[in-house]
Amino acid sequence: MKTSTLFTDRLRLTIVESSDLLKIHELLSIPEVDQYNALGIPTNKEVTEVYLEEWIENFRMRNEFVFTMSSLSDDAFIGLTSLRIGNPKYSIGSLWYKLHPEFWSQGYATEAVKKVLHFGFNDMGLHRIEAGCAVDNIGSIRVLEKVGMIREGHKRKVLPLKTGWSDNYEFAMLEEDWKALT
């Protein structure tokens, strides 16, 4: 299976490439995007390049699929989303996403996450897909709930954010949950 591009009604999700460095660095450098991100703002493009090279290598190894999100209508770069595959024995993936603030609250994250869930369950044959977010990250909580993920847990003070240690909500969806929704 060669997966490098997925499509939704409004989005093109394409596996990251080296040529995406500048737009990814810009996205990761936006303070609002970093607010609930334990990764932190990269100090320079070389730091972002290390992340990007790791994502490209992970794709080559078929254990993580990091996609750029672009608008089908005007090719605008909207953000990133990812599905990381865990130990094959457990058939579990985990997803994340980051959007440029000018595209927040327009349904793009929900649309992208639904496509990543479809990819994970239908194409990758996963049993379970998980996601986590800071308890104050209302936008992400809404996205995960809208796509049908179930809040399963609450971890205390697990995310090292700039504002201090944050609690994290744990969400998950099982393959049978996905099939019931589709």
C-alpha atoms as a PDB file:
ATOM      1  CA  MET A   1       0.000   0.000   0.000  1.00  0.00           C
ATOM      2  CA  LYS A   2       1.365   3.376  -1.032  1.00  0.00           C
ATOM      3  CA  THR A   3      -0.491   6.156   0.733  1.00  0.00           C
ATOM      4  CA  SER A   4       0.717   9.669   0.200  1.00  0.00           C
ATOM      5  CA  THR A   5      -2.494  11.637  -0.423  1.00  0.00           C
ATOM      6  CA  LEU A   6      -5.986  11.480   1.065  1.00  0.00           C
ATOM      7  CA  PHE A   7      -8.928  13.667   0.089  1.00  0.00           C
ATOM      8  CA  THR A   8     -12.018  15.020   1.849  1.00  0.00           C
ATOM      9  CA  ASP A   9     -14.671  17.347   0.457  1.00  0.00           C
ATOM     10  CA  ARG A  10     -12.490  20.391   1.144  1.00  0.00           C
ATOM     11  CA  LEU A  11      -9.017  19.085   1.971  1.00  0.00           C
ATOM     12  CA  ARG A  12      -6.020  17.352   0.480  1.00  0.00           C
ATOM     13  CA  LEU A  13      -3.934  15.493   3.077  1.00  0.00           C
ATOM     14  CA  THR A  14      -0.447  14.825   1.721  1.00  0.00           C
ATOM     15  CA  ILE A  15       2.455  13.068   3.431  1.00  0.00           C
ATOM     16  CA  VAL A  16       5.022  15.652   4.546  1.00  0.00           C
ATOM     17  CA  GLU A  17       8.083  16.209   2.369  1.00  0.00           C
ATOM     18  CA  SER A  18      11.328  18.133   2.843  1.00  0.00           C
ATOM     19  CA  SER A  19       9.905  20.956   0.719  1.00  0.00           C
ATOM     20  CA  ASP A  20       7.275  21.582   3.439  1.00  0.00           C
ATOM     21  CA  LEU A  21       9.886  22.837   5.917  1.00  0.00           C
ATOM     22  CA  LEU A  22       9.134  26.564   5.792  1.00  0.00           C
ATOM     23  CA  LYS A  23       5.354  26.298   6.139  1.00  0.00           C
ATOM     24  CA  ILE A  24       5.679  23.716   8.927  1.00  0.00           C
ATOM     25  CA  HIS A  25       8.229  25.873  10.755  1.00  0.00           C
ATOM     26  CA  GLU A  26       5.896  28.864  10.463  1.00  0.00           C
ATOM     27  CA  LEU A  27       2.973  26.840  11.844  1.00  0.00           C
ATOM     28  CA  LEU A  28       4.955  25.443  14.785  1.00  0.00           C
ATOM     29  CA  SER A  29       6.255  28.945  15.596  1.00  0.00           C
ATOM     30  CA  ILE A  30       2.812  30.489  16.150  1.00  0.00           C
ATOM     31  CA  PRO A  31       2.278  31.040  19.918  1.00  0.00           C
ATOM     32  CA  GLU A  32      -1.452  30.179  19.722  1.00  0.00           C
ATOM     33  CA  VAL A  33      -0.626  26.842  18.057  1.00  0.00           C
ATOM     34  CA  ASP A  34       1.944  26.147  20.755  1.00  0.00           C
ATOM     35  CA  GLN A  35      -0.377  26.969  23.670  1.00  0.00           C
ATOM     36  CA  TYR A  36      -1.324  23.323  24.337  1.00  0.00           C
ATOM     37  CA  ASN A  37       1.710  21.759  22.683  1.00  0.00           C
ATOM     38  CA  ALA A  38       4.317  20.058  24.857  1.00  0.00           C
ATOM     39  CA  LEU A  39       6.784  20.129  21.932  1.00  0.00           C
ATOM     40  CA  GLY A  40       7.387  23.861  22.297  1.00  0.00           C
ATOM     41  CA  ILE A  41       8.159  26.472  19.663  1.00  0.00           C
ATOM     42  CA  PRO A  42      11.210  25.470  17.619  1.00  0.00           C
ATOM     43  CA  THR A  43      14.139  27.821  18.195  1.00  0.00           C
ATOM     44  CA  ASN A  44      15.066  27.813  14.495  1.00  0.00           C
ATOM     45  CA  LYS A  45      14.355  26.088  11.171  1.00  0.00           C
ATOM     46  CA  GLU A  46      17.008  23.463  11.879  1.00  0.00           C
ATOM     47  CA  VAL A  47      15.005  22.218  14.876  1.00  0.00           C
ATOM     48  CA  THR A  48      11.876  21.973  12.714  1.00  0.00           C
ATOM     49  CA  GLU A  49      13.941  20.171  10.079  1.00  0.00           C
ATOM     50  CA  VAL A  50      14.851  17.497  12.645  1.00  0.00           C
ATOM     51  CA  TYR A  51      11.124  16.905  13.337  1.00  0.00           C
ATOM     52  CA  LEU A  52      10.379  16.825   9.623  1.00  0.00           C
ATOM     53  CA  GLU A  53      13.182  14.352   8.884  1.00  0.00           C
ATOM     54  CA  GLU A  54      11.906  12.108  11.686  1.00  0.00           C
ATOM     55  CA  TRP A  55       8.369  12.218  10.255  1.00  0.00           C
ATOM     56  CA  ILE A  56       9.660  11.369   6.778  1.00  0.00           C
ATOM     57  CA  GLU A  57      11.690   8.455   8.163  1.00  0.00           C
ATOM     58  CA  ASN A  58       8.710   7.249  10.200  1.00  0.00           C
ATOM     59  CA  PHE A  59       6.608   7.243   7.030  1.00  0.00           C
ATOM     60  CA  ARG A  60       9.315   5.232   5.271  1.00  0.00           C
ATOM     61  CA  MET A  61       9.151   2.750   8.155  1.00  0.00           C
ATOM     62  CA  ARG A  62       5.301   2.801   7.933  1.00  0.00           C
ATOM     63  CA  ASN A  63       4.860   3.657  11.614  1.00  0.00           C
ATOM     64  CA  GLU A  64       3.703   7.281  11.327  1.00  0.00           C
ATOM     65  CA  PHE A  65       1.813   9.163   8.673  1.00  0.00           C
ATOM     66  CA  VAL A  66       2.175  12.928   9.082  1.00  0.00           C
ATOM     67  CA  PHE A  67       0.051  14.800   6.565  1.00  0.00           C
ATOM     68  CA  THR A  68      -0.043  18.427   5.517  1.00  0.00           C
ATOM     69  CA  MET A  69      -3.604  19.750   5.219  1.00  0.00           C
ATOM     70  CA  SER A  70      -4.282  21.969   2.219  1.00  0.00           C
ATOM     71  CA  SER A  71      -7.446  23.527   0.893  1.00  0.00           C
ATOM     72  CA  LEU A  72      -8.696  21.991  -2.349  1.00  0.00           C
ATOM     73  CA  SER A  73     -10.143  25.336  -3.426  1.00  0.00           C
ATOM     74  CA  ASP A  74      -7.004  27.495  -3.214  1.00  0.00           C
ATOM     75  CA  ASP A  75      -4.181  25.180  -2.036  1.00  0.00           C
ATOM     76  CA  ALA A  76      -3.796  27.164   1.222  1.00  0.00           C
ATOM     77  CA  PHE A  77      -1.737  25.375   3.886  1.00  0.00           C
ATOM     78  CA  ILE A  78      -4.102  24.750   6.804  1.00  0.00           C
ATOM     79  CA  GLY A  79      -2.030  22.589   9.137  1.00  0.00           C
ATOM     80  CA  LEU A  80      -0.820  19.115  10.000  1.00  0.00           C
ATOM     81  CA  THR A  81      -2.387  15.880  11.150  1.00  0.00           C
ATOM     82  CA  SER A  82      -0.826  12.536  11.992  1.00  0.00           C
ATOM     83  CA  LEU A  83      -1.533   8.905  12.668  1.00  0.00           C
ATOM     84  CA  ARG A  84       1.205   7.056  14.554  1.00  0.00           C
ATOM     85  CA  ILE A  85       1.032   3.262  14.574  1.00  0.00           C
ATOM     86  CA  GLY A  86       1.992   1.552  17.821  1.00  0.00           C
ATOM     87  CA  ASN A  87       3.098  -1.989  18.519  1.00  0.00           C
ATOM     88  CA  PRO A  88       1.463  -4.157  15.792  1.00  0.00           C
ATOM     89  CA  LYS A  89       0.434  -6.741  18.400  1.00  0.00           C
ATOM     90  CA  TYR A  90      -2.027  -4.244  19.905  1.00  0.00           C
ATOM     91  CA  SER A  91      -3.228  -2.710  16.603  1.00  0.00           C
ATOM     92  CA  ILE A  92      -3.423   0.775  18.132  1.00  0.00           C
ATOM     93  CA  GLY A  93      -2.796   4.135  16.527  1.00  0.00           C
ATOM     94  CA  SER A  94      -2.678   7.622  17.970  1.00  0.00           C
ATOM     95  CA  LEU A  95      -3.552  10.825  16.195  1.00  0.00           C
ATOM     96  CA  TRP A  96      -2.785  14.510  16.536  1.00  0.00           C
ATOM     97  CA  TYR A  97      -3.405  17.683  14.565  1.00  0.00           C
ATOM     98  CA  LYS A  98      -2.309  21.323  14.466  1.00  0.00           C
ATOM     99  CA  LEU A  99      -4.043  24.028  12.466  1.00  0.00           C
ATOM    100  CA  HIS A 100      -3.083  27.565  11.583  1.00  0.00           C
ATOM    101  CA  PRO A 101      -5.293  29.865  13.725  1.00  0.00           C
ATOM    102  CA  GLU A 102      -6.850  31.541  10.670  1.00  0.00           C
ATOM    103  CA  PHE A 103      -8.488  28.171   9.930  1.00  0.00           C
ATOM    104  CA  TRP A 104      -9.778  27.429  13.437  1.00  0.00           C
ATOM    105  CA  SER A 105     -13.529  26.930  14.012  1.00  0.00           C
ATOM    106  CA  GLN A 106     -14.273  26.173  10.355  1.00  0.00           C
ATOM    107  CA  GLY A 107     -14.604  22.386  10.619  1.00  0.00           C
ATOM    108  CA  TYR A 108     -11.248  21.596   8.999  1.00  0.00           C
ATOM    109  CA  ALA A 109      -9.851  19.702  11.995  1.00  0.00           C
ATOM    110  CA  THR A 110     -13.032  17.621  12.280  1.00  0.00           C
ATOM    111  CA  GLU A 111     -12.939  16.842   8.566  1.00  0.00           C
ATOM    112  CA  ALA A 112      -9.250  15.872   8.659  1.00  0.00           C
ATOM    113  CA  VAL A 113      -9.597  13.741  11.798  1.00  0.00           C
ATOM    114  CA  LYS A 114     -12.531  11.849  10.282  1.00  0.00           C
ATOM    115  CA  LYS A 115     -10.378  11.081   7.246  1.00  0.00           C
ATOM    116  CA  VAL A 116      -7.473   9.949   9.440  1.00  0.00           C
ATOM    117  CA  LEU A 117      -9.850   7.692  11.386  1.00  0.00           C
ATOM    118  CA  HIS A 118     -11.126   6.248   8.092  1.00  0.00           C
ATOM    119  CA  PHE A 119      -7.528   5.673   6.975  1.00  0.00           C
ATOM    120  CA  GLY A 120      -6.573   4.067  10.295  1.00  0.00           C
ATOM    121  CA  PHE A 121      -9.513   1.700  10.507  1.00  0.00           C
ATOM    122  CA  ASN A 122     -10.238   0.972   6.847  1.00  0.00           C
ATOM    123  CA  ASP A 123      -6.778   1.096   5.262  1.00  0.00           C
ATOM    124  CA  MET A 124      -4.451   0.246   8.149  1.00  0.00           C
ATOM    125  CA  GLY A 125      -6.800  -2.246   9.839  1.00  0.00           C
ATOM    126  CA  LEU A 126      -6.348  -0.789  13.310  1.00  0.00           C
ATOM    127  CA  HIS A 127      -8.414  -1.972  16.268  1.00  0.00           C
ATOM    128  CA  ARG A 128      -8.191   1.265  18.297  1.00  0.00           C
ATOM    129  CA  ILE A 129      -7.183   4.888  17.702  1.00  0.00           C
ATOM    130  CA  GLU A 130      -6.375   7.218  20.578  1.00  0.00           C
ATOM    131  CA  ALA A 131      -5.889  10.962  21.033  1.00  0.00           C
ATOM    132  CA  GLY A 132      -5.189  13.205  23.967  1.00  0.00           C
ATOM    133  CA  CYS A 133      -5.537  16.901  24.659  1.00  0.00           C
ATOM    134  CA  ALA A 134      -5.071  19.370  27.477  1.00  0.00           C
ATOM    135  CA  VAL A 135      -8.226  19.771  29.551  1.00  0.00           C
ATOM    136  CA  ASP A 136      -8.354  23.500  28.732  1.00  0.00           C
ATOM    137  CA  ASN A 137      -8.092  22.923  24.973  1.00  0.00           C
ATOM    138  CA  ILE A 138     -11.812  23.324  24.306  1.00  0.00           C
ATOM    139  CA  GLY A 139     -11.392  23.364  20.507  1.00  0.00           C
ATOM    140  CA  SER A 140      -9.659  19.990  20.448  1.00  0.00           C
ATOM    141  CA  ILE A 141     -12.112  18.490  22.901  1.00  0.00           C
ATOM    142  CA  ARG A 142     -14.954  19.522  20.591  1.00  0.00           C
ATOM    143  CA  VAL A 143     -13.221  18.043  17.540  1.00  0.00           C
ATOM    144  CA  LEU A 144     -12.636  14.698  19.240  1.00  0.00           C
ATOM    145  CA  GLU A 145     -16.209  14.557  20.509  1.00  0.00           C
ATOM    146  CA  LYS A 146     -17.668  15.554  17.100  1.00  0.00           C
ATOM    147  CA  VAL A 147     -15.893  12.698  15.340  1.00  0.00           C
ATOM    148  CA  GLY A 148     -17.293  10.230  17.870  1.00  0.00           C
ATOM    149  CA  MET A 149     -14.256   9.535  20.013  1.00  0.00           C
ATOM    150  CA  ILE A 150     -15.028   8.603  23.618  1.00  0.00           C
ATOM    151  CA  ARG A 151     -13.384  10.377  26.547  1.00  0.00           C
ATOM    152  CA  GLU A 152     -11.950   7.467  28.504  1.00  0.00           C
ATOM    153  CA  GLY A 153      -9.652   9.079  30.986  1.00  0.00           C
ATOM    154  CA  HIS A 154      -8.230  12.073  32.757  1.00  0.00           C
ATOM    155  CA  LYS A 155      -4.505  12.107  33.472  1.00  0.00           C
ATOM    156  CA  ARG A 156      -3.368  14.559  36.090  1.00  0.00           C
ATOM    157  CA  LYS A 157      -0.497  16.982  35.434  1.00  0.00           C
ATOM    158  CA  VAL A 158       1.028  15.032  32.563  1.00  0.00           C
ATOM    159  CA  LEU A 159       1.603  17.763  29.935  1.00  0.00           C
ATOM    160  CA  PRO A 160       4.568  20.109  30.470  1.00  0.00           C
ATOM    161  CA  LEU A 161       3.151  23.308  28.953  1.00  0.00           C
ATOM    162  CA  LYS A 162       4.609  26.809  29.158  1.00  0.00           C
ATOM    163  CA  THR A 163       1.945  27.666  31.733  1.00  0.00           C
ATOM    164  CA  GLY A 164       2.925  24.704  33.921  1.00  0.00           C
ATOM    165  CA  TRP A 165       1.816  21.105  34.221  1.00  0.00           C
ATOM    166  CA  SER A 166      -1.567  20.443  32.631  1.00  0.00           C
ATOM    167  CA  ASP A 167      -4.056  17.655  33.009  1.00  0.00           C
ATOM    168  CA  ASN A 168      -4.880  15.701  29.850  1.00  0.00           C
ATOM    169  CA  TYR A 169      -8.060  14.067  28.604  1.00  0.00           C
ATOM    170  CA  GLU A 170      -7.635  10.708  26.882  1.00  0.00           C
ATOM    171  CA  PHE A 171      -9.966   9.890  23.990  1.00  0.00           C
ATOM    172  CA  ALA A 172     -10.300   6.694  21.947  1.00  0.00           C
ATOM    173  CA  MET A 173     -12.375   5.031  19.286  1.00  0.00           C
ATOM    174  CA  LEU A 174     -12.603   1.322  18.585  1.00  0.00           C
ATOM    175  CA  GLU A 175     -13.002  -0.168  15.137  1.00  0.00           C
ATOM    176  CA  GLU A 176     -16.527  -1.289  16.091  1.00  0.00           C
ATOM    177  CA  ASP A 177     -17.382   2.294  17.137  1.00  0.00           C
ATOM    178  CA  TRP A 178     -16.168   3.515  13.736  1.00  0.00           C
ATOM    179  CA  LYS A 179     -18.216   0.919  11.866  1.00  0.00           C
ATOM    180  CA  ALA A 180     -21.324   1.902  13.852  1.00  0.00           C
ATOM    181  CA  LEU A 181     -20.822   5.551  12.774  1.00  0.00           C
ATOM    182  CA  THR A 182     -20.166   4.878   9.090  1.00  0.00           C
END
